[in-house]
Structures are given as C-alpha cells and as structure tokens.
PDB file of N, CA and C in Angstrom:
ATOM      1  N   UNK A   1     -75.041 -83.803   2.519  1.00  0.00           N
ATOM      2  CA  UNK A   1     -74.100 -83.069   1.688  1.00  0.00           C
ATOM      3  C   UNK A   1     -74.855 -82.565   0.461  1.00  0.00           C
ATOM      4  N   UNK A   2     -74.655 -81.303   0.146  1.00  0.00           N
ATOM      5  CA  UNK A   2     -75.372 -80.718  -0.981  1.00  0.00           C
ATOM      6  C   UNK A   2     -74.630 -80.982  -2.283  1.00  0.00           C
ATOM      7  N   UNK A   3     -75.307 -80.670  -3.366  1.00  0.00           N
ATOM      8  CA  UNK A   3     -74.720 -80.873  -4.694  1.00  0.00           C
ATOM      9  C   UNK A   3     -73.474 -80.011  -4.872  1.00  0.00           C
ATOM     10  N   UNK A   4     -73.514 -78.801  -4.320  1.00  0.00           N
ATOM     11  CA  UNK A   4     -72.354 -77.917  -4.418  1.00  0.00           C
ATOM     12  C   UNK A   4     -71.132 -78.481  -3.726  1.00  0.00           C
ATOM     13  N   UNK A   5     -71.350 -79.114  -2.567  1.00  0.00           N
ATOM     14  CA  UNK A   5     -70.239 -79.730  -1.853  1.00  0.00           C
ATOM     15  C   UNK A   5     -69.648 -80.891  -2.647  1.00  0.00           C
ATOM     16  N   UNK A   6     -70.500 -81.660  -3.297  1.00  0.00           N
ATOM     17  CA  UNK A   6     -70.015 -82.781  -4.104  1.00  0.00           C
ATOM     18  C   UNK A   6     -69.168 -82.281  -5.275  1.00  0.00           C
ATOM     19  N   UNK A   7     -69.606 -81.196  -5.900  1.00  0.00           N
ATOM     20  CA  UNK A   7     -68.825 -80.627  -7.006  1.00  0.00           C
ATOM     21  C   UNK A   7     -67.481 -80.129  -6.520  1.00  0.00           C
ATOM     22  N   UNK A   8     -67.469 -79.495  -5.360  1.00  0.00           N
ATOM     23  CA  UNK A   8     -66.222 -78.996  -4.807  1.00  0.00           C
ATOM     24  C   UNK A   8     -65.262 -80.147  -4.509  1.00  0.00           C
ATOM     25  N   UNK A   9     -65.770 -81.210  -3.921  1.00  0.00           N
ATOM     26  CA  UNK A   9     -64.917 -82.364  -3.622  1.00  0.00           C
ATOM     27  C   UNK A   9     -64.389 -83.012  -4.895  1.00  0.00           C
ATOM     28  N   UNK A  10     -65.216 -83.090  -5.920  1.00  0.00           N
ATOM     29  CA  UNK A  10     -64.767 -83.656  -7.199  1.00  0.00           C
ATOM     30  C   UNK A  10     -63.681 -82.784  -7.819  1.00  0.00           C
ATOM     31  N   UNK A  11     -63.848 -81.471  -7.762  1.00  0.00           N
ATOM     32  CA  UNK A  11     -62.844 -80.569  -8.312  1.00  0.00           C
ATOM     33  C   UNK A  11     -61.528 -80.674  -7.539  1.00  0.00           C
ATOM     34  N   UNK A  12     -61.612 -80.761  -6.221  1.00  0.00           N
ATOM     35  CA  UNK A  12     -60.397 -80.902  -5.415  1.00  0.00           C
ATOM     36  C   UNK A  12     -59.681 -82.217  -5.698  1.00  0.00           C
ATOM     37  N   UNK A  13     -60.461 -83.282  -5.869  1.00  0.00           N
ATOM     38  CA  UNK A  13     -59.858 -84.584  -6.172  1.00  0.00           C
ATOM     39  C   UNK A  13     -59.160 -84.550  -7.532  1.00  0.00           C
ATOM     40  N   UNK A  14     -59.788 -83.920  -8.520  1.00  0.00           N
ATOM     41  CA  UNK A  14     -59.184 -83.826  -9.844  1.00  0.00           C
ATOM     42  C   UNK A  14     -57.908 -82.990  -9.801  1.00  0.00           C
ATOM     43  N   UNK A  15     -57.930 -81.885  -9.069  1.00  0.00           N
ATOM     44  CA  UNK A  15     -56.731 -81.065  -8.928  1.00  0.00           C
ATOM     45  C   UNK A  15     -55.602 -81.832  -8.250  1.00  0.00           C
ATOM     46  N   UNK A  16     -55.943 -82.582  -7.231  1.00  0.00           N
ATOM     47  CA  UNK A  16     -54.928 -83.340  -6.513  1.00  0.00           C
ATOM     48  C   UNK A  16     -54.320 -84.428  -7.409  1.00  0.00           C
ATOM     49  N   UNK A  17     -55.156 -85.129  -8.146  1.00  0.00           N
ATOM     50  CA  UNK A  17     -54.641 -86.166  -9.048  1.00  0.00           C
ATOM     51  C   UNK A  17     -53.788 -85.555 -10.155  1.00  0.00           C
ATOM     52  N   UNK A  18     -54.213 -84.419 -10.680  1.00  0.00           N
ATOM     53  CA  UNK A  18     -53.439 -83.743 -11.716  1.00  0.00           C
ATOM     54  C   UNK A  18     -52.080 -83.314 -11.192  1.00  0.00           C
ATOM     55  N   UNK A  19     -52.045 -82.811  -9.973  1.00  0.00           N
ATOM     56  CA  UNK A  19     -50.773 -82.409  -9.371  1.00  0.00           C
ATOM     57  C   UNK A  19     -49.856 -83.611  -9.163  1.00  0.00           C
ATOM     58  N   UNK A  20     -50.412 -84.710  -8.731  1.00  0.00           N
ATOM     59  CA  UNK A  20     -49.594 -85.912  -8.519  1.00  0.00           C
ATOM     60  C   UNK A  20     -49.012 -86.421  -9.830  1.00  0.00           C
ATOM     61  N   UNK A  21     -49.817 -86.397 -10.889  1.00  0.00           N
ATOM     62  CA  UNK A  21     -49.317 -86.819 -12.205  1.00  0.00           C
ATOM     63  C   UNK A  21     -48.200 -85.887 -12.651  1.00  0.00           C
ATOM     64  N   UNK A  22     -48.378 -84.592 -12.421  1.00  0.00           N
ATOM     65  CA  UNK A  22     -47.353 -83.628 -12.807  1.00  0.00           C
ATOM     66  C   UNK A  22     -46.047 -83.829 -12.061  1.00  0.00           C
ATOM     67  N   UNK A  23     -46.126 -84.114 -10.780  1.00  0.00           N
ATOM     68  CA  UNK A  23     -44.914 -84.343  -9.992  1.00  0.00           C
ATOM     69  C   UNK A  23     -44.226 -85.629 -10.442  1.00  0.00           C
ATOM     70  N   UNK A  24     -44.998 -86.648 -10.733  1.00  0.00           N
ATOM     71  CA  UNK A  24     -44.423 -87.944 -11.106  1.00  0.00           C
ATOM     72  C   UNK A  24     -43.807 -87.928 -12.497  1.00  0.00           C
ATOM     73  N   UNK A  25     -44.409 -87.173 -13.431  1.00  0.00           N
ATOM     74  CA  UNK A  25     -43.941 -87.218 -14.819  1.00  0.00           C
ATOM     75  C   UNK A  25     -43.183 -85.973 -15.254  1.00  0.00           C
ATOM     76  N   UNK A  26     -43.239 -84.910 -14.440  1.00  0.00           N
ATOM     77  CA  UNK A  26     -42.625 -83.620 -14.779  1.00  0.00           C
ATOM     78  C   UNK A  26     -43.246 -83.000 -16.038  1.00  0.00           C
ATOM     79  N   UNK A  27     -44.486 -83.368 -16.331  1.00  0.00           N
ATOM     80  CA  UNK A  27     -45.225 -82.774 -17.451  1.00  0.00           C
ATOM     81  C   UNK A  27     -46.613 -82.420 -16.958  1.00  0.00           C
ATOM     82  N   UNK A  28     -47.215 -81.376 -17.553  1.00  0.00           N
ATOM     83  CA  UNK A  28     -48.561 -81.016 -17.126  1.00  0.00           C
ATOM     84  C   UNK A  28     -49.598 -81.831 -17.883  1.00  0.00           C
ATOM     85  N   UNK A  29     -50.829 -81.745 -17.413  1.00  0.00           N
ATOM     86  CA  UNK A  29     -51.902 -82.602 -17.906  1.00  0.00           C
ATOM     87  C   UNK A  29     -52.147 -82.430 -19.400  1.00  0.00           C
ATOM     88  N   UNK A  30     -52.039 -81.201 -19.901  1.00  0.00           N
ATOM     89  CA  UNK A  30     -52.257 -80.970 -21.331  1.00  0.00           C
ATOM     90  C   UNK A  30     -51.203 -81.691 -22.174  1.00  0.00           C
ATOM     91  N   UNK A  31     -49.964 -81.680 -21.732  1.00  0.00           N
ATOM     92  CA  UNK A  31     -48.911 -82.391 -22.467  1.00  0.00           C
ATOM     93  C   UNK A  31     -49.178 -83.888 -22.497  1.00  0.00           C
ATOM     94  N   UNK A  32     -49.573 -84.423 -21.363  1.00  0.00           N
ATOM     95  CA  UNK A  32     -49.853 -85.864 -21.303  1.00  0.00           C
ATOM     96  C   UNK A  32     -51.021 -86.248 -22.193  1.00  0.00           C
ATOM     97  N   UNK A  33     -52.077 -85.438 -22.177  1.00  0.00           N
ATOM     98  CA  UNK A  33     -53.231 -85.733 -23.026  1.00  0.00           C
ATOM     99  C   UNK A  33     -52.856 -85.666 -24.500  1.00  0.00           C
ATOM    100  N   UNK A  34     -52.030 -84.679 -24.863  1.00  0.00           N
ATOM    101  CA  UNK A  34     -51.614 -84.540 -26.258  1.00  0.00           C
ATOM    102  C   UNK A  34     -50.806 -85.751 -26.713  1.00  0.00           C
ATOM    103  N   UNK A  35     -49.963 -86.271 -25.840  1.00  0.00           N
ATOM    104  CA  UNK A  35     -49.090 -87.382 -26.210  1.00  0.00           C
ATOM    105  C   UNK A  35     -49.757 -88.745 -26.095  1.00  0.00           C
ATOM    106  N   UNK A  36     -50.670 -88.912 -25.145  1.00  0.00           N
ATOM    107  CA  UNK A  36     -51.207 -90.235 -24.845  1.00  0.00           C
ATOM    108  C   UNK A  36     -52.597 -90.510 -25.417  1.00  0.00           C
ATOM    109  N   UNK A  37     -53.412 -89.473 -25.615  1.00  0.00           N
ATOM    110  CA  UNK A  37     -54.800 -89.680 -26.027  1.00  0.00           C
ATOM    111  C   UNK A  37     -54.939 -89.625 -27.543  1.00  0.00           C
ATOM    112  N   UNK A  38     -55.901 -90.377 -28.097  1.00  0.00           N
ATOM    113  CA  UNK A  38     -56.173 -90.265 -29.533  1.00  0.00           C
ATOM    114  C   UNK A  38     -56.829 -88.917 -29.852  1.00  0.00           C
ATOM    115  N   UNK A  39     -56.852 -88.567 -31.129  1.00  0.00           N
ATOM    116  CA  UNK A  39     -57.380 -87.265 -31.547  1.00  0.00           C
ATOM    117  C   UNK A  39     -58.814 -87.042 -31.096  1.00  0.00           C
ATOM    118  N   UNK A  40     -59.667 -88.051 -31.211  1.00  0.00           N
ATOM    119  CA  UNK A  40     -61.072 -87.855 -30.858  1.00  0.00           C
ATOM    120  C   UNK A  40     -61.219 -87.558 -29.368  1.00  0.00           C
ATOM    121  N   UNK A  41     -60.396 -88.193 -28.541  1.00  0.00           N
ATOM    122  CA  UNK A  41     -60.477 -87.946 -27.095  1.00  0.00           C
ATOM    123  C   UNK A  41     -59.974 -86.550 -26.757  1.00  0.00           C
ATOM    124  N   UNK A  42     -58.938 -86.089 -27.446  1.00  0.00           N
ATOM    125  CA  UNK A  42     -58.441 -84.732 -27.216  1.00  0.00           C
ATOM    126  C   UNK A  42     -59.486 -83.695 -27.594  1.00  0.00           C
ATOM    127  N   UNK A  43     -60.219 -83.939 -28.678  1.00  0.00           N
ATOM    128  CA  UNK A  43     -61.285 -83.009 -29.067  1.00  0.00           C
ATOM    129  C   UNK A  43     -62.407 -82.985 -28.032  1.00  0.00           C
ATOM    130  N   UNK A  44     -62.754 -84.135 -27.496  1.00  0.00           N
ATOM    131  CA  UNK A  44     -63.790 -84.197 -26.461  1.00  0.00           C
ATOM    132  C   UNK A  44     -63.328 -83.457 -25.210  1.00  0.00           C
ATOM    133  N   UNK A  45     -62.089 -83.661 -24.798  1.00  0.00           N
ATOM    134  CA  UNK A  45     -61.553 -82.970 -23.629  1.00  0.00           C
ATOM    135  C   UNK A  45     -61.520 -81.457 -23.848  1.00  0.00           C
ATOM    136  N   UNK A  46     -61.117 -81.038 -25.047  1.00  0.00           N
ATOM    137  CA  UNK A  46     -61.090 -79.608 -25.367  1.00  0.00           C
ATOM    138  C   UNK A  46     -62.495 -79.022 -25.286  1.00  0.00           C
ATOM    139  N   UNK A  47     -63.467 -79.722 -25.880  1.00  0.00           N
ATOM    140  CA  UNK A  47     -64.846 -79.238 -25.879  1.00  0.00           C
ATOM    141  C   UNK A  47     -65.384 -79.129 -24.452  1.00  0.00           C
ATOM    142  N   UNK A  48     -65.124 -80.128 -23.623  1.00  0.00           N
ATOM    143  CA  UNK A  48     -65.600 -80.093 -22.239  1.00  0.00           C
ATOM    144  C   UNK A  48     -64.955 -78.945 -21.461  1.00  0.00           C
ATOM    145  N   UNK A  49     -63.681 -78.678 -21.707  1.00  0.00           N
ATOM    146  CA  UNK A  49     -63.010 -77.566 -21.034  1.00  0.00           C
ATOM    147  C   UNK A  49     -63.612 -76.235 -21.461  1.00  0.00           C
ATOM    148  N   UNK A  50     -63.924 -76.077 -22.742  1.00  0.00           N
ATOM    149  CA  UNK A  50     -64.530 -74.841 -23.230  1.00  0.00           C
ATOM    150  C   UNK A  50     -65.920 -74.636 -22.633  1.00  0.00           C
ATOM    151  N   UNK A  51     -66.703 -75.696 -22.539  1.00  0.00           N
ATOM    152  CA  UNK A  51     -68.037 -75.590 -21.944  1.00  0.00           C
ATOM    153  C   UNK A  51     -67.934 -75.200 -20.469  1.00  0.00           C
ATOM    154  N   UNK A  52     -66.963 -75.762 -19.766  1.00  0.00           N
ATOM    155  CA  UNK A  52     -66.776 -75.412 -18.355  1.00  0.00           C
ATOM    156  C   UNK A  52     -66.383 -73.942 -18.201  1.00  0.00           C
ATOM    157  N   UNK A  53     -65.534 -73.448 -19.078  1.00  0.00           N
ATOM    158  CA  UNK A  53     -65.149 -72.035 -19.024  1.00  0.00           C
ATOM    159  C   UNK A  53     -66.329 -71.120 -19.321  1.00  0.00           C
ATOM    160  N   UNK A  54     -67.134 -71.484 -20.294  1.00  0.00           N
ATOM    161  CA  UNK A  54     -68.319 -70.687 -20.605  1.00  0.00           C
ATOM    162  C   UNK A  54     -69.271 -70.669 -19.421  1.00  0.00           C
ATOM    163  N   UNK A  55     -69.471 -71.826 -18.787  1.00  0.00           N
ATOM    164  CA  UNK A  55     -70.332 -71.903 -17.617  1.00  0.00           C
ATOM    165  C   UNK A  55     -69.835 -71.049 -16.472  1.00  0.00           C
ATOM    166  N   UNK A  56     -68.519 -71.015 -16.272  1.00  0.00           N
ATOM    167  CA  UNK A  56     -67.950 -70.188 -15.209  1.00  0.00           C
ATOM    168  C   UNK A  56     -68.130 -68.708 -15.518  1.00  0.00           C
ATOM    169  N   UNK A  57     -67.978 -68.324 -16.788  1.00  0.00           N
ATOM    170  CA  UNK A  57     -68.161 -66.935 -17.177  1.00  0.00           C
ATOM    171  C   UNK A  57     -69.623 -66.506 -17.044  1.00  0.00           C
ATOM    172  N   UNK A  58     -70.544 -67.387 -17.391  1.00  0.00           N
ATOM    173  CA  UNK A  58     -71.957 -67.051 -17.290  1.00  0.00           C
ATOM    174  C   UNK A  58     -72.352 -66.828 -15.839  1.00  0.00           C
ATOM    175  N   UNK A  59     -71.791 -67.600 -14.921  1.00  0.00           N
ATOM    176  CA  UNK A  59     -72.094 -67.416 -13.497  1.00  0.00           C
ATOM    177  C   UNK A  59     -71.660 -66.040 -13.013  1.00  0.00           C
ATOM    178  N   UNK A  60     -70.552 -65.548 -13.528  1.00  0.00           N
ATOM    179  CA  UNK A  60     -70.079 -64.235 -13.113  1.00  0.00           C
ATOM    180  C   UNK A  60     -70.979 -63.122 -13.625  1.00  0.00           C
ATOM    181  N   UNK A  61     -71.584 -63.305 -14.787  1.00  0.00           N
ATOM    182  CA  UNK A  61     -72.434 -62.275 -15.383  1.00  0.00           C
ATOM    183  C   UNK A  61     -73.755 -62.182 -14.652  1.00  0.00           C
ATOM    184  N   UNK A  62     -74.327 -63.322 -14.324  1.00  0.00           N
ATOM    185  CA  UNK A  62     -75.652 -63.322 -13.682  1.00  0.00           C
ATOM    186  C   UNK A  62     -75.448 -63.312 -12.230  1.00  0.00           C
TER     187      UNK A  62
END
C-alpha cells in the first residue's frame, strides 16, 4: 500500500467518524470543538485546517 492510499484511508475514516458524531449529536464538528475543546486546542485545530487548505491549493497550482 502506498503513502497516498494510507492518506486516503485516513481521510475516509475521519469523514466517517465526523458523520457519525454529527448524526448522534445533531451538531457538526466545528460546533462540538467550539463547545468542548479549550481555547489552545481550538487554535491548534484552526491552524492545522488552514495549513491543509493551503497545501490543497498549492497542489492545484503546480
């Protein structure tokens, strides 16, 4: 299995878990993080999401 396949499986697993949490709580992941996580953890999650978006945009350019 290549590295790309592992990333795809990890992304699918995260999406599936996020969907299950949403169905069980009737709230989306951002709402849960805002209510349950401390400020420092929310900042880390925000930063990681921004880096992932930048990485996705850079792939489209090159």
